[in-house]
Amino acid sequence: MSDEKPLSAWRMWLFMHLPRCADITEIASRKLDRGAGFWESLQFRIHLSICIYCKRYYNQQRLLRRALRQAPAAPELAPEARQRIAAKLQKAIAESETN
């Protein structure tokens, strides 16, 4: 029984001092985009060591970004196609404003 209280106290301390999962998803994106500071990275790593869901999310984001970097670039639209799309968008906007 004495073993349960320190574990419970430790968990409570972690929950009070580490960012929530919602915060970790933002940190994960920031970390992948431009990196994170020392304290933020430390909190991030600790959280990932105890939260399988955030770890999965981060790994999926890394995989997705890697795949997108390796994907071939989309072909350029012809100028005529751009003009047709722009005209249809402007028409749809004008119609939505009158309704």
Protein backbone atom coordinates (compact mmCIF):
# COMPACT_ATOMS: atom_id res chain seq x y z
CA MET A 1 0.00 0.00 0.00
CA SER A 2 2.87 2.39 0.66
CA ASP A 3 4.06 1.76 -2.92
CA GLU A 4 0.85 3.24 -4.32
CA LYS A 5 1.10 6.68 -2.73
CA PRO A 6 4.50 7.67 -4.20
CA LEU A 7 3.34 6.52 -7.64
CA SER A 8 0.12 8.45 -7.27
CA ALA A 9 2.00 11.52 -6.07
CA TRP A 10 4.46 11.18 -8.96
CA ARG A 11 1.64 10.95 -11.49
CA MET A 12 -0.07 13.95 -9.97
CA TRP A 13 3.16 15.94 -10.16
CA LEU A 14 3.59 14.97 -13.84
CA PHE A 15 0.03 15.94 -14.71
CA MET A 16 0.45 19.29 -12.99
CA HIS A 17 3.82 20.15 -14.57
CA LEU A 18 3.68 18.67 -18.05
CA PRO A 19 1.67 20.10 -20.93
CA ARG A 20 -1.66 18.48 -21.78
CA CYS A 21 -2.05 16.33 -24.89
CA ALA A 22 -3.65 19.25 -26.75
CA ASP A 23 -0.55 21.35 -26.00
CA ILE A 24 1.75 18.53 -27.06
CA THR A 25 0.16 18.39 -30.53
CA GLU A 26 1.01 22.08 -30.98
CA ILE A 27 4.53 21.53 -29.69
CA ALA A 28 4.91 18.56 -32.06
CA SER A 29 3.99 20.71 -35.05
CA ARG A 30 6.30 23.51 -33.93
CA LYS A 31 9.11 21.01 -33.33
CA LEU A 32 8.72 19.59 -36.83
CA ASP A 33 8.52 23.04 -38.42
CA ARG A 34 11.35 24.90 -36.77
CA GLY A 35 12.44 23.13 -33.62
CA ALA A 36 11.67 23.83 -29.99
CA GLY A 37 13.52 25.27 -27.05
CA PHE A 38 15.28 23.18 -24.43
CA TRP A 39 12.52 23.19 -21.79
CA GLU A 40 9.77 22.63 -24.35
CA SER A 41 11.71 19.73 -25.89
CA LEU A 42 12.29 18.20 -22.46
CA GLN A 43 8.60 18.41 -21.56
CA PHE A 44 7.75 17.00 -24.99
CA ARG A 45 10.07 14.01 -24.59
CA ILE A 46 8.84 13.23 -21.10
CA HIS A 47 5.22 13.44 -22.22
CA LEU A 48 5.90 11.15 -25.19
CA SER A 49 7.54 8.62 -22.88
CA ILE A 50 4.30 8.26 -20.89
CA CYS A 51 1.59 8.96 -23.52
CA ILE A 52 1.30 6.42 -26.33
CA TYR A 53 -1.34 8.50 -28.13
CA CYS A 54 0.83 11.58 -28.46
CA LYS A 55 3.76 9.40 -29.48
CA ARG A 56 1.64 7.88 -32.25
CA TYR A 57 0.47 11.32 -33.35
CA TYR A 58 4.03 12.63 -33.52
CA ASN A 59 5.26 9.60 -35.46
CA GLN A 60 2.37 9.92 -37.91
CA GLN A 61 3.12 13.61 -38.44
CA ARG A 62 6.80 12.86 -39.08
CA LEU A 63 5.88 10.12 -41.55
CA LEU A 64 3.38 12.36 -43.33
CA ARG A 65 5.85 15.22 -43.64
CA ARG A 66 8.55 12.89 -44.94
CA ALA A 67 6.15 11.46 -47.53
CA LEU A 68 5.08 14.92 -48.66
CA ARG A 69 8.68 16.03 -49.09
CA GLN A 70 9.38 13.00 -51.27
CA ALA A 71 6.21 13.36 -53.35
CA PRO A 72 6.66 14.76 -56.84
CA ALA A 73 5.60 18.34 -57.35
CA ALA A 74 2.15 18.94 -58.79
CA PRO A 75 2.14 19.99 -62.45
CA GLU A 76 1.68 23.67 -63.17
CA LEU A 77 -1.78 24.77 -64.37
CA ALA A 78 -2.05 26.30 -67.81
CA PRO A 79 -2.87 30.03 -67.78
CA GLU A 80 -6.22 29.34 -69.51
CA ALA A 81 -7.17 26.89 -66.76
CA ARG A 82 -6.27 29.42 -64.08
CA GLN A 83 -8.45 32.04 -65.78
CA ARG A 84 -11.42 29.65 -66.02
CA ILE A 85 -11.11 28.72 -62.35
CA ALA A 86 -10.81 32.36 -61.28
CA ALA A 87 -13.87 33.33 -63.36
CA LYS A 88 -15.97 30.52 -61.86
CA LEU A 89 -14.88 31.45 -58.33
CA GLN A 90 -15.73 35.10 -58.89
CA LYS A 91 -19.13 34.12 -60.31
CA ALA A 92 -19.83 31.83 -57.32
CA ILE A 93 -18.82 34.59 -54.88
CA ALA A 94 -21.03 37.14 -56.63
CA GLU A 95 -23.98 34.73 -56.59
CA SER A 96 -23.50 33.95 -52.89
CA GLU A 97 -23.40 37.67 -52.03
CA THR A 98 -26.68 38.35 -53.84
CA ASN A 99 -28.47 35.48 -52.09
